[in-house]
Amino acid sequence: MTTTPQKEKEKRKLLMRVRRIRGQLDAVERRIEEDASCSSVLQQAAACRGALDGFIAEVIEDHILEHFVDSSGRHDARTQAAEELVEIVHSYFK
């Protein structure tokens, strides 16, 4: 199975997001090790959560678009429903 340039682009984008999330988690760890204030730790943890929610929404969107949308460019009821679902997913993970 070969990957298309679009799939490679999406893969790179997801990997970059994971690396940013890892960096944010490392920052949480450093704050704990440094005995930073609770508010500082919580602020960084909340940023991690937001980044992870964005990552999850992106993976769900990619899955929906890859497996449920007609790649021929036709805009039928199924495509419309998939696009609406993507919007719902993004609004849920905001």
C-alpha atoms as a PDB file:
ATOM      1  CA  MET A   1       0.000   0.000   0.000  1.00  0.00           C
ATOM      2  CA  THR A   2       1.459   3.337  -1.025  1.00  0.00           C
ATOM      3  CA  THR A   3       0.708   6.607   0.647  1.00  0.00           C
ATOM      4  CA  THR A   4      -0.372   9.603  -1.340  1.00  0.00           C
ATOM      5  CA  PRO A   5       1.319  12.991  -0.977  1.00  0.00           C
ATOM      6  CA  GLN A   6      -1.829  14.211   0.815  1.00  0.00           C
ATOM      7  CA  LYS A   7      -1.617  11.376   3.355  1.00  0.00           C
ATOM      8  CA  GLU A   8       2.082  12.065   3.896  1.00  0.00           C
ATOM      9  CA  LYS A   9       1.281  15.739   4.486  1.00  0.00           C
ATOM     10  CA  GLU A  10      -1.403  14.819   7.032  1.00  0.00           C
ATOM     11  CA  LYS A  11       0.968  12.373   8.722  1.00  0.00           C
ATOM     12  CA  ARG A  12       3.675  15.043   9.064  1.00  0.00           C
ATOM     13  CA  LYS A  13       1.129  17.517  10.403  1.00  0.00           C
ATOM     14  CA  LEU A  14      -0.084  15.037  13.045  1.00  0.00           C
ATOM     15  CA  LEU A  15       3.461  14.134  14.055  1.00  0.00           C
ATOM     16  CA  MET A  16       4.291  17.828  14.534  1.00  0.00           C
ATOM     17  CA  ARG A  17       1.223  18.222  16.765  1.00  0.00           C
ATOM     18  CA  VAL A  18       2.252  15.213  18.840  1.00  0.00           C
ATOM     19  CA  ARG A  19       5.738  16.645  19.252  1.00  0.00           C
ATOM     20  CA  ARG A  20       4.320  19.981  20.408  1.00  0.00           C
ATOM     21  CA  ILE A  21       2.082  18.165  22.903  1.00  0.00           C
ATOM     22  CA  ARG A  22       5.084  16.200  24.157  1.00  0.00           C
ATOM     23  CA  GLY A  23       6.934  19.484  24.657  1.00  0.00           C
ATOM     24  CA  GLN A  24       4.006  20.885  26.608  1.00  0.00           C
ATOM     25  CA  LEU A  25       3.911  17.789  28.822  1.00  0.00           C
ATOM     26  CA  ASP A  26       7.643  18.165  29.429  1.00  0.00           C
ATOM     27  CA  ALA A  27       6.931  21.733  30.538  1.00  0.00           C
ATOM     28  CA  VAL A  28       4.352  20.451  33.037  1.00  0.00           C
ATOM     29  CA  GLU A  29       6.921  18.005  34.385  1.00  0.00           C
ATOM     30  CA  ARG A  30       9.516  20.764  34.727  1.00  0.00           C
ATOM     31  CA  ARG A  31       7.079  22.994  36.584  1.00  0.00           C
ATOM     32  CA  ILE A  32       6.303  20.204  39.029  1.00  0.00           C
ATOM     33  CA  GLU A  33       9.995  19.443  39.533  1.00  0.00           C
ATOM     34  CA  GLU A  34      10.673  23.150  40.146  1.00  0.00           C
ATOM     35  CA  ASP A  35       7.868  23.344  42.728  1.00  0.00           C
ATOM     36  CA  ALA A  36       6.083  25.937  40.627  1.00  0.00           C
ATOM     37  CA  SER A  37       2.786  27.310  41.830  1.00  0.00           C
ATOM     38  CA  CYS A  38      -0.362  25.243  41.410  1.00  0.00           C
ATOM     39  CA  SER A  39      -1.768  27.857  39.049  1.00  0.00           C
ATOM     40  CA  SER A  40       1.299  27.617  36.825  1.00  0.00           C
ATOM     41  CA  VAL A  41       1.076  23.816  36.689  1.00  0.00           C
ATOM     42  CA  LEU A  42      -2.658  23.934  36.014  1.00  0.00           C
ATOM     43  CA  GLN A  43      -2.255  26.552  33.302  1.00  0.00           C
ATOM     44  CA  GLN A  44       0.300  24.394  31.503  1.00  0.00           C
ATOM     45  CA  ALA A  45      -1.815  21.263  31.995  1.00  0.00           C
ATOM     46  CA  ALA A  46      -4.836  23.055  30.522  1.00  0.00           C
ATOM     47  CA  ALA A  47      -2.740  24.013  27.494  1.00  0.00           C
ATOM     48  CA  CYS A  48      -1.816  20.338  27.085  1.00  0.00           C
ATOM     49  CA  ARG A  49      -5.444  19.335  27.281  1.00  0.00           C
ATOM     50  CA  GLY A  50      -6.405  21.887  24.636  1.00  0.00           C
ATOM     51  CA  ALA A  51      -3.615  20.705  22.357  1.00  0.00           C
ATOM     52  CA  LEU A  52      -4.633  17.076  22.809  1.00  0.00           C
ATOM     53  CA  ASP A  53      -8.287  17.912  22.129  1.00  0.00           C
ATOM     54  CA  GLY A  54      -7.206  19.629  18.899  1.00  0.00           C
ATOM     55  CA  PHE A  55      -5.158  16.577  17.942  1.00  0.00           C
ATOM     56  CA  ILE A  56      -8.117  14.246  18.582  1.00  0.00           C
ATOM     57  CA  ALA A  57     -10.439  16.460  16.524  1.00  0.00           C
ATOM     58  CA  GLU A  58      -7.923  16.469  13.661  1.00  0.00           C
ATOM     59  CA  VAL A  59      -7.618  12.665  13.652  1.00  0.00           C
ATOM     60  CA  ILE A  60     -11.408  12.250  13.705  1.00  0.00           C
ATOM     61  CA  GLU A  61     -11.767  14.770  10.867  1.00  0.00           C
ATOM     62  CA  ASP A  62      -9.141  12.985   8.771  1.00  0.00           C
ATOM     63  CA  HIS A  63     -10.891   9.667   9.368  1.00  0.00           C
ATOM     64  CA  ILE A  64     -14.305  11.025   8.409  1.00  0.00           C
ATOM     65  CA  LEU A  65     -13.007  12.706   5.271  1.00  0.00           C
ATOM     66  CA  GLU A  66     -10.971   9.674   4.216  1.00  0.00           C
ATOM     67  CA  HIS A  67     -13.609   7.015   4.777  1.00  0.00           C
ATOM     68  CA  PHE A  68     -16.978   8.725   4.391  1.00  0.00           C
ATOM     69  CA  VAL A  69     -16.577  11.444   1.769  1.00  0.00           C
ATOM     70  CA  ASP A  70     -16.719  10.605  -1.912  1.00  0.00           C
ATOM     71  CA  SER A  71     -13.311  11.421  -3.363  1.00  0.00           C
ATOM     72  CA  SER A  72     -14.784  12.074  -6.817  1.00  0.00           C
ATOM     73  CA  GLY A  73     -15.695  15.609  -5.763  1.00  0.00           C
ATOM     74  CA  ARG A  74     -19.418  14.905  -5.820  1.00  0.00           C
ATOM     75  CA  HIS A  75     -21.273  16.843  -3.149  1.00  0.00           C
ATOM     76  CA  ASP A  76     -24.057  14.466  -2.150  1.00  0.00           C
ATOM     77  CA  ALA A  77     -26.046  14.051   1.067  1.00  0.00           C
ATOM     78  CA  ARG A  78     -23.379  11.766   2.547  1.00  0.00           C
ATOM     79  CA  THR A  79     -20.660  14.359   1.937  1.00  0.00           C
ATOM     80  CA  GLN A  80     -22.840  17.065   3.464  1.00  0.00           C
ATOM     81  CA  ALA A  81     -23.484  14.899   6.538  1.00  0.00           C
ATOM     82  CA  ALA A  82     -19.764  14.168   6.885  1.00  0.00           C
ATOM     83  CA  GLU A  83     -18.928  17.880   6.705  1.00  0.00           C
ATOM     84  CA  GLU A  84     -21.560  18.636   9.348  1.00  0.00           C
ATOM     85  CA  LEU A  85     -20.113  15.905  11.567  1.00  0.00           C
ATOM     86  CA  VAL A  86     -16.635  17.417  11.208  1.00  0.00           C
ATOM     87  CA  GLU A  87     -18.018  20.798  12.315  1.00  0.00           C
ATOM     88  CA  ILE A  88     -19.696  19.173  15.315  1.00  0.00           C
ATOM     89  CA  VAL A  89     -16.485  17.373  16.287  1.00  0.00           C
ATOM     90  CA  HIS A  90     -14.507  20.621  16.101  1.00  0.00           C
ATOM     91  CA  SER A  91     -17.081  22.511  18.161  1.00  0.00           C
ATOM     92  CA  TYR A  92     -17.070  19.748  20.790  1.00  0.00           C
ATOM     93  CA  PHE A  93     -13.287  19.763  21.126  1.00  0.00           C
ATOM     94  CA  LYS A  94     -12.956  23.567  21.374  1.00  0.00           C
END
